[in-house]
Amino acid sequence: MASENSKEDELSGTEQPFVAHLVELRDRLIKAAFAIGVAIAILALYPGPAALYDILAQPLVHSLPKGATMIATSVISPFMVPLKIMFVCAFLLALPFVLWQVWAFVAPGLYSHEKKLVLPLVISSTLLFFVGVAFCYFFVFGKVFAFIQSFAPKSITAAPDIEAYLDFVLSMFLAFGLAFEVPVVVVVLARMGLVSIEKLKAFRSYFIVVAFVAAAIVTPPDVVSQLSLAIPMCLLYEIGIWAAQVFIRVTKAPEEPAS
């Protein structure tokens, strides 16, 4: 009985009528959309859509033969592709603020031990996604493009299409960003009690197979990109097991006193 009263006291004053929740949700969405709009305006002024695409294309351009350039096979591609890049970059730039609005909306309805669970997951998942994207851009792309170009016959002039390159880059960013969420998934599964730490450790050898199969499916058919995705996933799985043990202990609900 005492534990129920303590939980009620913890959330006292946080209850809001349904309409008030909708109004707050609308305000949070407006703030998030405004943040994305501000990010678009900033990127449009500096460095600009064209410069953003040049930055994105650097890993491929550096691996092309001397004098080779990328091409646009569609009439509107030189206009639309840089705009798409700008919108994606603006969303990623504003993502921390957008997630903060999500957190501010749901936090009042959570208990203190639940807040200890949700907020670290939101922050860590965002950081891991960015780390995955950065790892793909700064390390994987250079190795993959150089490896692919080394197999190109000398009788062929490489001239990749800018729109096809954009689709490839975004799919790789998404693959690596999601792959780097492995620790978060492991922690959530363990914290919710769906899988025990012992079972996670026993599943280690199977996960290695899963990681290499997933890498073979979502990456180009070259050994460099597959290893670049599978090996970090295996390492992150180990980190997730360690983090789950710490997380379960830190976010444990308060002990209920004996009645």
C-alpha atoms as a PDB file:
ATOM      1  CA  MET A   1       0.000   0.000   0.000  1.00  0.00           C
ATOM      2  CA  ALA A   2       2.841   2.337   0.912  1.00  0.00           C
ATOM      3  CA  SER A   3       4.597   1.631  -2.395  1.00  0.00           C
ATOM      4  CA  GLU A   4       1.453   2.493  -4.347  1.00  0.00           C
ATOM      5  CA  ASN A   5       1.143   5.801  -2.492  1.00  0.00           C
ATOM      6  CA  SER A   6       4.788   6.630  -3.179  1.00  0.00           C
ATOM      7  CA  LYS A   7       4.301   5.983  -6.902  1.00  0.00           C
ATOM      8  CA  GLU A   8       1.211   8.168  -6.924  1.00  0.00           C
ATOM      9  CA  ASP A   9       3.098  10.946  -5.138  1.00  0.00           C
ATOM     10  CA  GLU A  10       5.909  10.694  -7.648  1.00  0.00           C
ATOM     11  CA  LEU A  11       3.533  11.428 -10.511  1.00  0.00           C
ATOM     12  CA  SER A  12       1.268  13.800  -8.639  1.00  0.00           C
ATOM     13  CA  GLY A  13       0.436  16.898 -10.623  1.00  0.00           C
ATOM     14  CA  THR A  14       1.578  15.407 -13.918  1.00  0.00           C
ATOM     15  CA  GLU A  15      -1.825  14.197 -15.116  1.00  0.00           C
ATOM     16  CA  GLN A  16      -3.250  16.252 -17.962  1.00  0.00           C
ATOM     17  CA  PRO A  17      -6.517  16.030 -19.857  1.00  0.00           C
ATOM     18  CA  PHE A  18      -6.439  14.504 -23.319  1.00  0.00           C
ATOM     19  CA  VAL A  19      -6.867  17.854 -25.087  1.00  0.00           C
ATOM     20  CA  ALA A  20      -3.936  19.312 -23.151  1.00  0.00           C
ATOM     21  CA  HIS A  21      -1.790  16.377 -24.342  1.00  0.00           C
ATOM     22  CA  LEU A  22      -2.781  17.077 -27.946  1.00  0.00           C
ATOM     23  CA  VAL A  23      -1.961  20.768 -27.573  1.00  0.00           C
ATOM     24  CA  GLU A  24       1.426  19.958 -26.085  1.00  0.00           C
ATOM     25  CA  LEU A  25       2.099  17.412 -28.842  1.00  0.00           C
ATOM     26  CA  ARG A  26       1.237  20.042 -31.462  1.00  0.00           C
ATOM     27  CA  ASP A  27       3.591  22.535 -29.829  1.00  0.00           C
ATOM     28  CA  ARG A  28       6.404  19.980 -29.690  1.00  0.00           C
ATOM     29  CA  LEU A  29       5.924  19.087 -33.366  1.00  0.00           C
ATOM     30  CA  ILE A  30       5.941  22.766 -34.340  1.00  0.00           C
ATOM     31  CA  LYS A  31       9.184  23.311 -32.427  1.00  0.00           C
ATOM     32  CA  ALA A  32      10.752  20.252 -34.072  1.00  0.00           C
ATOM     33  CA  ALA A  33       9.646  21.384 -37.541  1.00  0.00           C
ATOM     34  CA  PHE A  34      10.945  24.899 -36.826  1.00  0.00           C
ATOM     35  CA  ALA A  35      14.334  23.476 -35.809  1.00  0.00           C
ATOM     36  CA  ILE A  36      14.543  21.517 -39.056  1.00  0.00           C
ATOM     37  CA  GLY A  37      13.556  24.648 -40.989  1.00  0.00           C
ATOM     38  CA  VAL A  38      16.283  26.665 -39.272  1.00  0.00           C
ATOM     39  CA  ALA A  39      18.814  23.940 -40.099  1.00  0.00           C
ATOM     40  CA  ILE A  40      17.707  24.016 -43.762  1.00  0.00           C
ATOM     41  CA  ALA A  41      18.098  27.807 -43.879  1.00  0.00           C
ATOM     42  CA  ILE A  42      21.571  27.632 -42.345  1.00  0.00           C
ATOM     43  CA  LEU A  43      22.762  24.910 -44.718  1.00  0.00           C
ATOM     44  CA  ALA A  44      21.242  26.743 -47.700  1.00  0.00           C
ATOM     45  CA  LEU A  45      23.335  29.811 -46.863  1.00  0.00           C
ATOM     46  CA  TYR A  46      26.485  27.929 -45.937  1.00  0.00           C
ATOM     47  CA  PRO A  47      27.904  25.775 -47.349  1.00  0.00           C
ATOM     48  CA  GLY A  48      24.969  25.471 -49.789  1.00  0.00           C
ATOM     49  CA  PRO A  49      23.341  22.431 -51.462  1.00  0.00           C
ATOM     50  CA  ALA A  50      25.963  22.057 -54.193  1.00  0.00           C
ATOM     51  CA  ALA A  51      28.856  22.220 -51.730  1.00  0.00           C
ATOM     52  CA  LEU A  52      27.153  19.625 -49.514  1.00  0.00           C
ATOM     53  CA  TYR A  53      26.966  17.234 -52.430  1.00  0.00           C
ATOM     54  CA  ASP A  54      30.623  17.883 -53.267  1.00  0.00           C
ATOM     55  CA  ILE A  55      31.520  16.961 -49.687  1.00  0.00           C
ATOM     56  CA  LEU A  56      29.407  13.816 -49.886  1.00  0.00           C
ATOM     57  CA  ALA A  57      30.972  12.842 -53.208  1.00  0.00           C
ATOM     58  CA  GLN A  58      34.588  13.304 -52.124  1.00  0.00           C
ATOM     59  CA  PRO A  59      35.266   9.640 -51.208  1.00  0.00           C
ATOM     60  CA  LEU A  60      34.137   8.495 -54.665  1.00  0.00           C
ATOM     61  CA  VAL A  61      35.734  11.346 -56.620  1.00  0.00           C
ATOM     62  CA  HIS A  62      39.112  10.690 -54.998  1.00  0.00           C
ATOM     63  CA  SER A  63      38.994   7.056 -56.105  1.00  0.00           C
ATOM     64  CA  LEU A  64      38.075   7.795 -59.733  1.00  0.00           C
ATOM     65  CA  PRO A  65      40.768   7.873 -62.433  1.00  0.00           C
ATOM     66  CA  LYS A  66      42.326  11.244 -63.134  1.00  0.00           C
ATOM     67  CA  GLY A  67      40.015  13.394 -65.236  1.00  0.00           C
ATOM     68  CA  ALA A  68      36.912  11.272 -64.564  1.00  0.00           C
ATOM     69  CA  THR A  69      33.826  12.991 -63.168  1.00  0.00           C
ATOM     70  CA  MET A  70      30.323  12.106 -62.082  1.00  0.00           C
ATOM     71  CA  ILE A  71      27.408  12.639 -64.452  1.00  0.00           C
ATOM     72  CA  ALA A  72      23.701  13.491 -64.267  1.00  0.00           C
ATOM     73  CA  THR A  73      21.478  11.368 -66.500  1.00  0.00           C
ATOM     74  CA  SER A  74      18.302  13.244 -65.596  1.00  0.00           C
ATOM     75  CA  VAL A  75      17.551  16.843 -66.542  1.00  0.00           C
ATOM     76  CA  ILE A  76      16.526  17.865 -63.027  1.00  0.00           C
ATOM     77  CA  SER A  77      19.120  15.770 -61.135  1.00  0.00           C
ATOM     78  CA  PRO A  78      21.644  18.633 -60.776  1.00  0.00           C
ATOM     79  CA  PHE A  79      18.904  20.603 -58.996  1.00  0.00           C
ATOM     80  CA  MET A  80      17.027  17.943 -57.034  1.00  0.00           C
ATOM     81  CA  VAL A  81      19.911  15.783 -55.765  1.00  0.00           C
ATOM     82  CA  PRO A  82      21.719  18.600 -53.878  1.00  0.00           C
ATOM     83  CA  LEU A  83      18.381  19.651 -52.376  1.00  0.00           C
ATOM     84  CA  LYS A  84      17.757  16.116 -51.119  1.00  0.00           C
ATOM     85  CA  ILE A  85      21.188  16.092 -49.531  1.00  0.00           C
ATOM     86  CA  MET A  86      20.484  19.421 -47.844  1.00  0.00           C
ATOM     87  CA  PHE A  87      17.181  18.185 -46.411  1.00  0.00           C
ATOM     88  CA  VAL A  88      18.776  14.987 -45.077  1.00  0.00           C
ATOM     89  CA  CYS A  89      21.654  16.913 -43.521  1.00  0.00           C
ATOM     90  CA  ALA A  90      19.241  19.420 -41.989  1.00  0.00           C
ATOM     91  CA  PHE A  91      17.218  16.636 -40.391  1.00  0.00           C
ATOM     92  CA  LEU A  92      20.358  15.026 -38.969  1.00  0.00           C
ATOM     93  CA  LEU A  93      21.561  18.399 -37.709  1.00  0.00           C
ATOM     94  CA  ALA A  94      18.257  19.040 -35.942  1.00  0.00           C
ATOM     95  CA  LEU A  95      17.814  15.437 -34.765  1.00  0.00           C
ATOM     96  CA  PRO A  96      19.127  16.015 -31.199  1.00  0.00           C
ATOM     97  CA  PHE A  97      16.616  18.834 -30.706  1.00  0.00           C
ATOM     98  CA  VAL A  98      13.801  16.763 -32.249  1.00  0.00           C
ATOM     99  CA  LEU A  99      14.556  13.865 -29.916  1.00  0.00           C
ATOM    100  CA  TRP A 100      14.694  16.280 -26.993  1.00  0.00           C
ATOM    101  CA  GLN A 101      11.151  17.391 -27.835  1.00  0.00           C
ATOM    102  CA  VAL A 102      10.052  13.755 -27.867  1.00  0.00           C
ATOM    103  CA  TRP A 103      11.690  13.232 -24.494  1.00  0.00           C
ATOM    104  CA  ALA A 104      10.107  16.379 -23.028  1.00  0.00           C
ATOM    105  CA  PHE A 105       6.688  15.131 -24.149  1.00  0.00           C
ATOM    106  CA  VAL A 106       6.898  11.640 -22.611  1.00  0.00           C
ATOM    107  CA  ALA A 107       9.063  12.373 -19.548  1.00  0.00           C
ATOM    108  CA  PRO A 108       6.307  13.769 -17.266  1.00  0.00           C
ATOM    109  CA  GLY A 109       4.443  10.448 -17.454  1.00  0.00           C
ATOM    110  CA  LEU A 110       7.415   8.335 -16.393  1.00  0.00           C
ATOM    111  CA  TYR A 111       8.567   7.266 -12.949  1.00  0.00           C
ATOM    112  CA  SER A 112      12.058   8.243 -11.845  1.00  0.00           C
ATOM    113  CA  HIS A 113      13.517   4.780 -12.511  1.00  0.00           C
ATOM    114  CA  GLU A 114      11.874   4.776 -15.960  1.00  0.00           C
ATOM    115  CA  LYS A 115      13.463   8.136 -16.743  1.00  0.00           C
ATOM    116  CA  LYS A 116      16.816   6.567 -15.913  1.00  0.00           C
ATOM    117  CA  LEU A 117      16.004   3.986 -18.581  1.00  0.00           C
ATOM    118  CA  VAL A 118      14.612   6.113 -21.424  1.00  0.00           C
ATOM    119  CA  LEU A 119      16.862   9.183 -21.476  1.00  0.00           C
ATOM    120  CA  PRO A 120      20.192   7.290 -21.702  1.00  0.00           C
ATOM    121  CA  LEU A 121      18.731   5.122 -24.471  1.00  0.00           C
ATOM    122  CA  VAL A 122      17.625   8.165 -26.471  1.00  0.00           C
ATOM    123  CA  ILE A 123      21.031   9.819 -26.136  1.00  0.00           C
ATOM    124  CA  SER A 124      23.081   6.682 -26.764  1.00  0.00           C
ATOM    125  CA  SER A 125      21.017   5.577 -29.767  1.00  0.00           C
ATOM    126  CA  THR A 126      21.413   9.022 -31.362  1.00  0.00           C
ATOM    127  CA  LEU A 127      25.167   9.102 -30.761  1.00  0.00           C
ATOM    128  CA  LEU A 128      25.634   5.546 -32.017  1.00  0.00           C
ATOM    129  CA  PHE A 129      23.708   6.308 -35.206  1.00  0.00           C
ATOM    130  CA  PHE A 130      25.926   9.334 -35.888  1.00  0.00           C
ATOM    131  CA  VAL A 131      29.051   7.293 -35.126  1.00  0.00           C
ATOM    132  CA  GLY A 132      27.887   4.636 -37.593  1.00  0.00           C
ATOM    133  CA  VAL A 133      27.316   7.233 -40.321  1.00  0.00           C
ATOM    134  CA  ALA A 134      30.688   8.878 -39.638  1.00  0.00           C
ATOM    135  CA  PHE A 135      32.467   5.501 -39.667  1.00  0.00           C
ATOM    136  CA  CYS A 136      30.871   4.710 -43.024  1.00  0.00           C
ATOM    137  CA  TYR A 137      31.832   8.053 -44.572  1.00  0.00           C
ATOM    138  CA  PHE A 138      35.360   8.516 -43.243  1.00  0.00           C
ATOM    139  CA  PHE A 139      36.572   4.902 -43.269  1.00  0.00           C
ATOM    140  CA  VAL A 140      34.386   2.535 -45.272  1.00  0.00           C
ATOM    141  CA  PHE A 141      33.716   4.612 -48.403  1.00  0.00           C
ATOM    142  CA  GLY A 142      37.359   5.298 -49.154  1.00  0.00           C
ATOM    143  CA  LYS A 143      38.312   1.631 -48.806  1.00  0.00           C
ATOM    144  CA  VAL A 144      35.286   0.317 -50.729  1.00  0.00           C
ATOM    145  CA  PHE A 145      35.534   2.708 -53.692  1.00  0.00           C
ATOM    146  CA  ALA A 146      39.273   2.159 -54.048  1.00  0.00           C
ATOM    147  CA  PHE A 147      38.732  -1.602 -53.898  1.00  0.00           C
ATOM    148  CA  ILE A 148      35.992  -1.480 -56.544  1.00  0.00           C
ATOM    149  CA  GLN A 149      37.973   0.789 -58.876  1.00  0.00           C
ATOM    150  CA  SER A 150      40.966  -1.543 -58.657  1.00  0.00           C
ATOM    151  CA  PHE A 151      38.868  -4.181 -60.453  1.00  0.00           C
ATOM    152  CA  ALA A 152      37.646  -1.840 -63.226  1.00  0.00           C
ATOM    153  CA  PRO A 153      39.069  -2.648 -66.676  1.00  0.00           C
ATOM    154  CA  LYS A 154      41.297   0.038 -68.169  1.00  0.00           C
ATOM    155  CA  SER A 155      39.068   0.130 -71.258  1.00  0.00           C
ATOM    156  CA  ILE A 156      36.166   1.481 -69.151  1.00  0.00           C
ATOM    157  CA  THR A 157      35.808   5.132 -68.133  1.00  0.00           C
ATOM    158  CA  ALA A 158      34.053   5.410 -64.773  1.00  0.00           C
ATOM    159  CA  ALA A 159      31.343   8.090 -64.714  1.00  0.00           C
ATOM    160  CA  PRO A 160      28.896   7.340 -61.864  1.00  0.00           C
ATOM    161  CA  ASP A 161      25.452   8.934 -61.908  1.00  0.00           C
ATOM    162  CA  ILE A 162      24.919  11.443 -59.095  1.00  0.00           C
ATOM    163  CA  GLU A 163      21.398  10.210 -58.278  1.00  0.00           C
ATOM    164  CA  ALA A 164      22.480   6.569 -58.136  1.00  0.00           C
ATOM    165  CA  TYR A 165      25.379   7.589 -55.920  1.00  0.00           C
ATOM    166  CA  LEU A 166      22.993   9.419 -53.577  1.00  0.00           C
ATOM    167  CA  ASP A 167      20.763   6.348 -53.255  1.00  0.00           C
ATOM    168  CA  PHE A 168      23.809   4.178 -52.570  1.00  0.00           C
ATOM    169  CA  VAL A 169      25.205   6.551 -49.950  1.00  0.00           C
ATOM    170  CA  LEU A 170      21.913   6.940 -48.088  1.00  0.00           C
ATOM    171  CA  SER A 171      21.336   3.176 -48.021  1.00  0.00           C
ATOM    172  CA  MET A 172      24.866   2.627 -46.664  1.00  0.00           C
ATOM    173  CA  PHE A 173      24.441   5.378 -44.064  1.00  0.00           C
ATOM    174  CA  LEU A 174      21.182   3.781 -42.937  1.00  0.00           C
ATOM    175  CA  ALA A 175      22.744   0.306 -42.819  1.00  0.00           C
ATOM    176  CA  PHE A 176      25.732   1.391 -40.744  1.00  0.00           C
ATOM    177  CA  GLY A 177      23.686   3.723 -38.550  1.00  0.00           C
ATOM    178  CA  LEU A 178      21.248   0.936 -37.672  1.00  0.00           C
ATOM    179  CA  ALA A 179      24.040  -1.640 -37.288  1.00  0.00           C
ATOM    180  CA  PHE A 180      25.667   0.555 -34.662  1.00  0.00           C
ATOM    181  CA  GLU A 181      22.416   0.386 -32.654  1.00  0.00           C
ATOM    182  CA  VAL A 182      23.245  -3.214 -31.671  1.00  0.00           C
ATOM    183  CA  PRO A 183      24.219  -2.274 -28.073  1.00  0.00           C
ATOM    184  CA  VAL A 184      20.936  -0.411 -27.595  1.00  0.00           C
ATOM    185  CA  VAL A 185      18.911  -3.399 -28.846  1.00  0.00           C
ATOM    186  CA  VAL A 186      20.832  -5.752 -26.568  1.00  0.00           C
ATOM    187  CA  VAL A 187      20.321  -3.488 -23.559  1.00  0.00           C
ATOM    188  CA  VAL A 188      16.591  -3.096 -24.225  1.00  0.00           C
ATOM    189  CA  LEU A 189      16.047  -6.851 -24.648  1.00  0.00           C
ATOM    190  CA  ALA A 190      17.936  -7.596 -21.442  1.00  0.00           C
ATOM    191  CA  ARG A 191      16.332  -4.756 -19.451  1.00  0.00           C
ATOM    192  CA  MET A 192      12.815  -5.830 -20.459  1.00  0.00           C
ATOM    193  CA  GLY A 193      13.585  -9.366 -19.331  1.00  0.00           C
ATOM    194  CA  LEU A 194      13.035 -10.873 -22.778  1.00  0.00           C
ATOM    195  CA  VAL A 195      16.550 -12.329 -22.833  1.00  0.00           C
ATOM    196  CA  SER A 196      18.896 -13.034 -19.927  1.00  0.00           C
ATOM    197  CA  ILE A 197      22.551 -12.048 -19.875  1.00  0.00           C
ATOM    198  CA  GLU A 198      23.508 -15.729 -19.883  1.00  0.00           C
ATOM    199  CA  LYS A 199      21.488 -16.352 -23.053  1.00  0.00           C
ATOM    200  CA  LEU A 200      23.047 -13.322 -24.708  1.00  0.00           C
ATOM    201  CA  LYS A 201      26.499 -14.705 -23.980  1.00  0.00           C
ATOM    202  CA  ALA A 202      25.486 -18.148 -25.247  1.00  0.00           C
ATOM    203  CA  PHE A 203      24.106 -16.566 -28.443  1.00  0.00           C
ATOM    204  CA  ARG A 204      27.474 -14.910 -29.149  1.00  0.00           C
ATOM    205  CA  SER A 205      28.646 -17.444 -31.738  1.00  0.00           C
ATOM    206  CA  TYR A 206      25.289 -17.371 -33.530  1.00  0.00           C
ATOM    207  CA  PHE A 207      25.340 -13.576 -33.640  1.00  0.00           C
ATOM    208  CA  ILE A 208      28.651 -13.645 -35.497  1.00  0.00           C
ATOM    209  CA  VAL A 209      26.966 -15.670 -38.235  1.00  0.00           C
ATOM    210  CA  VAL A 210      23.974 -13.293 -38.216  1.00  0.00           C
ATOM    211  CA  ALA A 211      26.281 -10.269 -38.494  1.00  0.00           C
ATOM    212  CA  PHE A 212      28.123 -11.623 -41.524  1.00  0.00           C
ATOM    213  CA  VAL A 213      24.898 -12.684 -43.233  1.00  0.00           C
ATOM    214  CA  ALA A 214      23.359  -9.248 -42.627  1.00  0.00           C
ATOM    215  CA  ALA A 215      26.515  -7.560 -43.920  1.00  0.00           C
ATOM    216  CA  ALA A 216      26.418  -9.682 -47.064  1.00  0.00           C
ATOM    217  CA  ILE A 217      22.792  -8.647 -47.692  1.00  0.00           C
ATOM    218  CA  VAL A 218      22.882  -4.898 -47.035  1.00  0.00           C
ATOM    219  CA  THR A 219      26.346  -4.012 -48.373  1.00  0.00           C
ATOM    220  CA  PRO A 220      27.833  -4.251 -51.888  1.00  0.00           C
ATOM    221  CA  PRO A 221      29.231  -7.674 -52.863  1.00  0.00           C
ATOM    222  CA  ASP A 222      32.796  -6.882 -51.839  1.00  0.00           C
ATOM    223  CA  VAL A 223      34.742  -8.222 -48.903  1.00  0.00           C
ATOM    224  CA  VAL A 224      35.855  -4.786 -47.655  1.00  0.00           C
ATOM    225  CA  SER A 225      32.385  -3.366 -46.962  1.00  0.00           C
ATOM    226  CA  GLN A 226      31.120  -6.668 -45.574  1.00  0.00           C
ATOM    227  CA  LEU A 227      33.980  -6.958 -43.094  1.00  0.00           C
ATOM    228  CA  SER A 228      33.650  -3.246 -42.253  1.00  0.00           C
ATOM    229  CA  LEU A 229      30.051  -3.836 -41.176  1.00  0.00           C
ATOM    230  CA  ALA A 230      30.223  -7.345 -39.662  1.00  0.00           C
ATOM    231  CA  ILE A 231      33.272  -6.849 -37.435  1.00  0.00           C
ATOM    232  CA  PRO A 232      31.959  -3.674 -35.717  1.00  0.00           C
ATOM    233  CA  MET A 233      28.597  -5.398 -35.179  1.00  0.00           C
ATOM    234  CA  CYS A 234      30.335  -8.272 -33.351  1.00  0.00           C
ATOM    235  CA  LEU A 235      32.316  -5.835 -31.210  1.00  0.00           C
ATOM    236  CA  LEU A 236      29.219  -3.773 -30.455  1.00  0.00           C
ATOM    237  CA  TYR A 237      27.370  -6.928 -29.411  1.00  0.00           C
ATOM    238  CA  GLU A 238      30.019  -7.529 -26.754  1.00  0.00           C
ATOM    239  CA  ILE A 239      29.734  -3.912 -25.640  1.00  0.00           C
ATOM    240  CA  GLY A 240      25.958  -4.345 -25.454  1.00  0.00           C
ATOM    241  CA  ILE A 241      26.271  -7.364 -23.137  1.00  0.00           C
ATOM    242  CA  TRP A 242      28.546  -5.412 -20.804  1.00  0.00           C
ATOM    243  CA  ALA A 243      26.310  -2.308 -20.943  1.00  0.00           C
ATOM    244  CA  ALA A 244      23.194  -4.393 -20.257  1.00  0.00           C
ATOM    245  CA  GLN A 245      24.618  -5.667 -16.982  1.00  0.00           C
ATOM    246  CA  VAL A 246      25.414  -2.131 -15.830  1.00  0.00           C
ATOM    247  CA  PHE A 247      22.132  -0.725 -17.113  1.00  0.00           C
ATOM    248  CA  ILE A 248      19.978  -3.323 -15.386  1.00  0.00           C
ATOM    249  CA  ARG A 249      21.631  -2.552 -12.081  1.00  0.00           C
ATOM    250  CA  VAL A 250      21.369   1.239 -12.430  1.00  0.00           C
ATOM    251  CA  THR A 251      17.765   1.410 -13.688  1.00  0.00           C
ATOM    252  CA  LYS A 252      16.316  -1.178 -11.349  1.00  0.00           C
ATOM    253  CA  ALA A 253      12.982  -0.153  -9.870  1.00  0.00           C
ATOM    254  CA  PRO A 254      13.020   0.726  -6.140  1.00  0.00           C
ATOM    255  CA  GLU A 255      12.497  -2.182  -3.796  1.00  0.00           C
ATOM    256  CA  GLU A 256       8.980  -2.349  -2.403  1.00  0.00           C
ATOM    257  CA  PRO A 257       8.969  -2.303   1.408  1.00  0.00           C
ATOM    258  CA  ALA A 258       7.477  -5.306   3.125  1.00  0.00           C
ATOM    259  CA  SER A 259       3.885  -4.693   4.204  1.00  0.00           C
END
